[in-house]
Amino acid sequence: MTPKELALPAERIEQAILLIRGQKVMLDSDLAELYEVPTKRLTEAVRRNQSRFPSDFMFQLTTSEFENLRTQFATSSWGGRRYNPFVFTEHGILMLSSVLRSERAVQVNIAIMRAFVRLREMLATHKELARKLDELERKYDSQFRVVFEAIRQLMAPPTAAEKRRIGFHASSPSDVESKGR
């Protein structure tokens, strides 16, 4: 199966990656759709190979997590699931290809791993940009502090000692006579 035959838009995969319990995961139903198998078959394969899926590879959502997820996507409660969905971490998704044993599963996993890597790179880029912005703020805060102090000094009214009278005035009568000649 060539990548063109697979026809999985990267955006579709990236949108299916959720952040739950501080981990990037995908729902069993989204994975089943990508693998083109019923969700029931996917969970059966996982249950038959439970030893391959420790809790850091896969976990089942709590009722409150599932309700929260349902409200985020405004899905209907009509019909639907009888159990809370399973979610798979990046490692669990890798393990799925060995459990499902199909060419489609291998190709889908490659596409999913690329999406995870792309998200990781984007996150690293955002962290780097945030770090650079903080660095610029620190650097320019001190420089702008000097500018603001100079502006404040210019805006401050002069003290009485510095105040000079406007116009021509002689400091002494002899100065006036010497300049007049």
C-alpha atoms as a PDB file:
ATOM      1  CA  MET A   1       0.000   0.000   0.000  1.00  0.00           C
ATOM      2  CA  THR A   2       1.562   3.253  -1.102  1.00  0.00           C
ATOM      3  CA  PRO A   3       1.195   6.479   0.848  1.00  0.00           C
ATOM      4  CA  LYS A   4      -1.090   7.815  -1.918  1.00  0.00           C
ATOM      5  CA  GLU A   5      -3.415   4.838  -1.468  1.00  0.00           C
ATOM      6  CA  LEU A   6      -3.485   5.499   2.266  1.00  0.00           C
ATOM      7  CA  ALA A   7      -4.835   9.051   1.798  1.00  0.00           C
ATOM      8  CA  LEU A   8      -4.724  10.123   5.434  1.00  0.00           C
ATOM      9  CA  PRO A   9      -4.673  13.879   5.797  1.00  0.00           C
ATOM     10  CA  ALA A  10      -2.158  14.880   8.456  1.00  0.00           C
ATOM     11  CA  GLU A  11      -4.575  17.523   9.756  1.00  0.00           C
ATOM     12  CA  ARG A  12      -7.188  14.833  10.431  1.00  0.00           C
ATOM     13  CA  ILE A  13      -4.716  12.856  12.521  1.00  0.00           C
ATOM     14  CA  GLU A  14      -3.445  15.943  14.356  1.00  0.00           C
ATOM     15  CA  GLN A  15      -7.005  16.959  15.233  1.00  0.00           C
ATOM     16  CA  ALA A  16      -7.641  13.495  16.682  1.00  0.00           C
ATOM     17  CA  ILE A  17      -4.700  13.807  19.089  1.00  0.00           C
ATOM     18  CA  LEU A  18      -6.042  14.935  22.470  1.00  0.00           C
ATOM     19  CA  LEU A  19      -4.377  15.993  25.701  1.00  0.00           C
ATOM     20  CA  ILE A  20      -5.812  13.929  28.556  1.00  0.00           C
ATOM     21  CA  ARG A  21      -4.167  13.491  31.981  1.00  0.00           C
ATOM     22  CA  GLY A  22      -1.195  15.428  30.654  1.00  0.00           C
ATOM     23  CA  GLN A  23      -0.550  12.928  27.845  1.00  0.00           C
ATOM     24  CA  LYS A  24      -1.127  13.146  24.117  1.00  0.00           C
ATOM     25  CA  VAL A  25      -3.569  10.357  23.263  1.00  0.00           C
ATOM     26  CA  MET A  26      -6.016   9.184  20.610  1.00  0.00           C
ATOM     27  CA  LEU A  27      -9.469   7.695  21.167  1.00  0.00           C
ATOM     28  CA  ASP A  28     -10.087   4.071  20.275  1.00  0.00           C
ATOM     29  CA  SER A  29     -12.904   5.103  17.920  1.00  0.00           C
ATOM     30  CA  ASP A  30     -10.642   7.527  16.018  1.00  0.00           C
ATOM     31  CA  LEU A  31      -7.968   4.860  15.679  1.00  0.00           C
ATOM     32  CA  ALA A  32     -10.517   2.279  14.534  1.00  0.00           C
ATOM     33  CA  GLU A  33     -11.732   4.706  11.878  1.00  0.00           C
ATOM     34  CA  LEU A  34      -8.173   5.268  10.650  1.00  0.00           C
ATOM     35  CA  TYR A  35      -7.430   1.524  10.634  1.00  0.00           C
ATOM     36  CA  GLU A  36     -10.775   0.927   8.892  1.00  0.00           C
ATOM     37  CA  VAL A  37     -11.941  -1.607  11.470  1.00  0.00           C
ATOM     38  CA  PRO A  38     -14.931  -1.452  13.837  1.00  0.00           C
ATOM     39  CA  THR A  39     -14.098  -0.046  17.280  1.00  0.00           C
ATOM     40  CA  LYS A  40     -15.356  -3.290  18.775  1.00  0.00           C
ATOM     41  CA  ARG A  41     -12.756  -5.307  16.805  1.00  0.00           C
ATOM     42  CA  LEU A  42      -9.965  -2.972  17.855  1.00  0.00           C
ATOM     43  CA  THR A  43     -10.825  -3.293  21.558  1.00  0.00           C
ATOM     44  CA  GLU A  44     -11.187  -7.083  21.190  1.00  0.00           C
ATOM     45  CA  ALA A  45      -7.680  -7.299  19.730  1.00  0.00           C
ATOM     46  CA  VAL A  46      -6.369  -5.177  22.594  1.00  0.00           C
ATOM     47  CA  ARG A  47      -8.121  -7.320  25.231  1.00  0.00           C
ATOM     48  CA  ARG A  48      -6.689 -10.502  23.684  1.00  0.00           C
ATOM     49  CA  ASN A  49      -3.213  -8.956  24.010  1.00  0.00           C
ATOM     50  CA  GLN A  50      -3.676  -7.110  27.309  1.00  0.00           C
ATOM     51  CA  SER A  51      -0.082  -7.803  28.395  1.00  0.00           C
ATOM     52  CA  ARG A  52       1.175  -5.623  25.524  1.00  0.00           C
ATOM     53  CA  PHE A  53      -0.759  -2.589  26.757  1.00  0.00           C
ATOM     54  CA  PRO A  54       0.327  -1.422  30.225  1.00  0.00           C
ATOM     55  CA  SER A  55      -1.328   1.641  31.749  1.00  0.00           C
ATOM     56  CA  ASP A  56       1.221   4.017  30.215  1.00  0.00           C
ATOM     57  CA  PHE A  57       0.310   2.701  26.727  1.00  0.00           C
ATOM     58  CA  MET A  58      -3.472   2.721  27.112  1.00  0.00           C
ATOM     59  CA  PHE A  59      -6.103   3.599  29.704  1.00  0.00           C
ATOM     60  CA  GLN A  60      -9.855   3.856  29.927  1.00  0.00           C
ATOM     61  CA  LEU A  61     -11.410   7.269  30.454  1.00  0.00           C
ATOM     62  CA  THR A  62     -13.373   7.893  33.622  1.00  0.00           C
ATOM     63  CA  THR A  63     -17.042   8.813  33.309  1.00  0.00           C
ATOM     64  CA  SER A  64     -16.308  12.469  34.103  1.00  0.00           C
ATOM     65  CA  GLU A  65     -13.462  12.605  31.551  1.00  0.00           C
ATOM     66  CA  PHE A  66     -15.738  11.075  28.922  1.00  0.00           C
ATOM     67  CA  GLU A  67     -18.563  13.510  29.736  1.00  0.00           C
ATOM     68  CA  ASN A  68     -16.124  16.416  29.531  1.00  0.00           C
ATOM     69  CA  LEU A  69     -14.897  15.149  26.173  1.00  0.00           C
ATOM     70  CA  ARG A  70     -18.455  14.707  24.952  1.00  0.00           C
ATOM     71  CA  THR A  71     -19.371  18.302  25.869  1.00  0.00           C
ATOM     72  CA  GLN A  72     -16.265  19.645  24.113  1.00  0.00           C
ATOM     73  CA  PHE A  73     -17.299  18.022  20.854  1.00  0.00           C
ATOM     74  CA  ALA A  74     -21.055  18.476  21.382  1.00  0.00           C
ATOM     75  CA  THR A  75     -21.786  14.862  20.530  1.00  0.00           C
ATOM     76  CA  SER A  76     -25.216  13.427  20.975  1.00  0.00           C
ATOM     77  CA  SER A  77     -25.979  11.143  23.892  1.00  0.00           C
ATOM     78  CA  TRP A  78     -28.575   9.362  21.750  1.00  0.00           C
ATOM     79  CA  GLY A  79     -27.475   5.754  21.351  1.00  0.00           C
ATOM     80  CA  GLY A  80     -23.713   5.796  21.452  1.00  0.00           C
ATOM     81  CA  ARG A  81     -21.292   3.872  23.606  1.00  0.00           C
ATOM     82  CA  ARG A  82     -22.114   1.589  26.476  1.00  0.00           C
ATOM     83  CA  TYR A  83     -18.659   1.955  28.004  1.00  0.00           C
ATOM     84  CA  ASN A  84     -16.105   4.684  28.450  1.00  0.00           C
ATOM     85  CA  PRO A  85     -13.626   4.761  25.580  1.00  0.00           C
ATOM     86  CA  PHE A  86     -10.040   3.654  25.738  1.00  0.00           C
ATOM     87  CA  VAL A  87      -7.317   6.081  24.777  1.00  0.00           C
ATOM     88  CA  PHE A  88      -3.895   5.153  23.478  1.00  0.00           C
ATOM     89  CA  THR A  89      -0.639   6.996  24.024  1.00  0.00           C
ATOM     90  CA  GLU A  90       2.018   7.181  21.333  1.00  0.00           C
ATOM     91  CA  HIS A  91       3.551   3.929  22.599  1.00  0.00           C
ATOM     92  CA  GLY A  92       0.188   2.205  22.669  1.00  0.00           C
ATOM     93  CA  ILE A  93      -0.468   3.223  19.079  1.00  0.00           C
ATOM     94  CA  LEU A  94       2.870   1.725  18.072  1.00  0.00           C
ATOM     95  CA  MET A  95       1.887  -1.515  19.776  1.00  0.00           C
ATOM     96  CA  LEU A  96      -1.454  -1.573  17.930  1.00  0.00           C
ATOM     97  CA  SER A  97       0.223  -2.248  14.589  1.00  0.00           C
ATOM     98  CA  SER A  98       1.693  -5.477  15.945  1.00  0.00           C
ATOM     99  CA  VAL A  99      -1.682  -6.529  17.344  1.00  0.00           C
ATOM    100  CA  LEU A 100      -3.715  -5.697  14.241  1.00  0.00           C
ATOM    101  CA  ARG A 101      -1.151  -7.190  11.822  1.00  0.00           C
ATOM    102  CA  SER A 102      -2.252  -5.583   8.590  1.00  0.00           C
ATOM    103  CA  GLU A 103      -0.518  -3.462   5.986  1.00  0.00           C
ATOM    104  CA  ARG A 104      -3.104  -0.751   6.616  1.00  0.00           C
ATOM    105  CA  ALA A 105      -2.216  -0.738  10.334  1.00  0.00           C
ATOM    106  CA  VAL A 106       1.476  -0.314   9.542  1.00  0.00           C
ATOM    107  CA  GLN A 107       0.837   2.573   7.122  1.00  0.00           C
ATOM    108  CA  VAL A 108      -1.590   4.270   9.509  1.00  0.00           C
ATOM    109  CA  ASN A 109       0.930   3.981  12.342  1.00  0.00           C
ATOM    110  CA  ILE A 110       3.608   5.598  10.209  1.00  0.00           C
ATOM    111  CA  ALA A 111       1.267   8.507   9.458  1.00  0.00           C
ATOM    112  CA  ILE A 112       0.284   8.819  13.137  1.00  0.00           C
ATOM    113  CA  MET A 113       3.907   8.777  14.312  1.00  0.00           C
ATOM    114  CA  ARG A 114       4.725  11.530  11.829  1.00  0.00           C
ATOM    115  CA  ALA A 115       1.852  13.576  13.247  1.00  0.00           C
ATOM    116  CA  PHE A 116       3.117  13.057  16.814  1.00  0.00           C
ATOM    117  CA  VAL A 117       6.626  14.091  15.757  1.00  0.00           C
ATOM    118  CA  ARG A 118       5.272  17.180  13.965  1.00  0.00           C
ATOM    119  CA  LEU A 119       3.307  18.189  17.077  1.00  0.00           C
ATOM    120  CA  ARG A 120       6.391  17.670  19.222  1.00  0.00           C
ATOM    121  CA  GLU A 121       8.445  19.855  16.855  1.00  0.00           C
ATOM    122  CA  MET A 122       5.792  22.585  16.875  1.00  0.00           C
ATOM    123  CA  LEU A 123       5.714  22.514  20.664  1.00  0.00           C
ATOM    124  CA  ALA A 124       9.510  22.767  20.796  1.00  0.00           C
ATOM    125  CA  THR A 125       9.390  25.691  18.352  1.00  0.00           C
ATOM    126  CA  HIS A 126       6.818  27.484  20.504  1.00  0.00           C
ATOM    127  CA  LYS A 127       8.937  26.922  23.606  1.00  0.00           C
ATOM    128  CA  GLU A 128      11.988  28.298  21.786  1.00  0.00           C
ATOM    129  CA  LEU A 129      10.022  31.356  20.631  1.00  0.00           C
ATOM    130  CA  ALA A 130       8.725  31.945  24.154  1.00  0.00           C
ATOM    131  CA  ARG A 131      12.267  31.687  25.528  1.00  0.00           C
ATOM    132  CA  LYS A 132      13.571  34.180  22.943  1.00  0.00           C
ATOM    133  CA  LEU A 133      10.718  36.577  23.674  1.00  0.00           C
ATOM    134  CA  ASP A 134      11.482  36.425  27.410  1.00  0.00           C
ATOM    135  CA  GLU A 135      15.140  37.052  26.639  1.00  0.00           C
ATOM    136  CA  LEU A 136      14.273  40.082  24.480  1.00  0.00           C
ATOM    137  CA  GLU A 137      11.984  41.447  27.180  1.00  0.00           C
ATOM    138  CA  ARG A 138      14.739  41.165  29.782  1.00  0.00           C
ATOM    139  CA  LYS A 139      17.272  42.755  27.433  1.00  0.00           C
ATOM    140  CA  TYR A 140      15.074  45.618  26.318  1.00  0.00           C
ATOM    141  CA  ASP A 141      13.504  46.232  29.712  1.00  0.00           C
ATOM    142  CA  SER A 142      16.840  47.512  30.985  1.00  0.00           C
ATOM    143  CA  GLN A 143      17.424  49.578  27.839  1.00  0.00           C
ATOM    144  CA  PHE A 144      13.929  51.036  27.917  1.00  0.00           C
ATOM    145  CA  ARG A 145      14.318  51.774  31.610  1.00  0.00           C
ATOM    146  CA  VAL A 146      17.208  54.123  30.707  1.00  0.00           C
ATOM    147  CA  VAL A 147      15.097  55.761  27.979  1.00  0.00           C
ATOM    148  CA  PHE A 148      12.146  56.201  30.324  1.00  0.00           C
ATOM    149  CA  GLU A 149      14.397  57.721  33.001  1.00  0.00           C
ATOM    150  CA  ALA A 150      15.782  60.197  30.448  1.00  0.00           C
ATOM    151  CA  ILE A 151      12.256  61.116  29.337  1.00  0.00           C
ATOM    152  CA  ARG A 152      11.163  61.586  32.948  1.00  0.00           C
ATOM    153  CA  GLN A 153      14.131  63.896  33.568  1.00  0.00           C
ATOM    154  CA  LEU A 154      13.200  65.962  30.526  1.00  0.00           C
ATOM    155  CA  MET A 155       9.571  66.119  31.645  1.00  0.00           C
ATOM    156  CA  ALA A 156      10.398  67.107  35.229  1.00  0.00           C
ATOM    157  CA  PRO A 157      10.111  70.840  35.942  1.00  0.00           C
ATOM    158  CA  PRO A 158      13.470  72.490  36.529  1.00  0.00           C
ATOM    159  CA  THR A 159      14.429  73.296  40.083  1.00  0.00           C
ATOM    160  CA  ALA A 160      14.523  76.927  41.250  1.00  0.00           C
ATOM    161  CA  ALA A 161      18.328  77.050  41.073  1.00  0.00           C
ATOM    162  CA  GLU A 162      18.313  75.949  37.429  1.00  0.00           C
ATOM    163  CA  LYS A 163      15.564  78.346  36.403  1.00  0.00           C
ATOM    164  CA  ARG A 164      16.852  81.173  34.228  1.00  0.00           C
ATOM    165  CA  ARG A 165      15.029  84.331  33.418  1.00  0.00           C
ATOM    166  CA  ILE A 166      13.906  84.755  29.846  1.00  0.00           C
ATOM    167  CA  GLY A 167      15.217  87.664  27.800  1.00  0.00           C
ATOM    168  CA  PHE A 168      18.283  89.876  27.896  1.00  0.00           C
ATOM    169  CA  HIS A 169      19.596  90.668  31.293  1.00  0.00           C
ATOM    170  CA  ALA A 170      22.885  91.971  32.525  1.00  0.00           C
ATOM    171  CA  SER A 171      24.555  90.294  35.391  1.00  0.00           C
ATOM    172  CA  SER A 172      26.371  93.521  36.361  1.00  0.00           C
ATOM    173  CA  PRO A 173      26.470  97.158  35.105  1.00  0.00           C
ATOM    174  CA  SER A 174      30.100  96.807  33.937  1.00  0.00           C
ATOM    175  CA  ASP A 175      29.124  93.883  31.631  1.00  0.00           C
ATOM    176  CA  VAL A 176      26.555  96.086  29.932  1.00  0.00           C
ATOM    177  CA  GLU A 177      29.061  98.930  29.357  1.00  0.00           C
ATOM    178  CA  SER A 178      31.764  96.645  27.922  1.00  0.00           C
ATOM    179  CA  LYS A 179      29.392  94.964  25.494  1.00  0.00           C
ATOM    180  CA  GLY A 180      27.867  98.206  24.356  1.00  0.00           C
ATOM    181  CA  ARG A 181      31.118  99.585  22.978  1.00  0.00           C
END
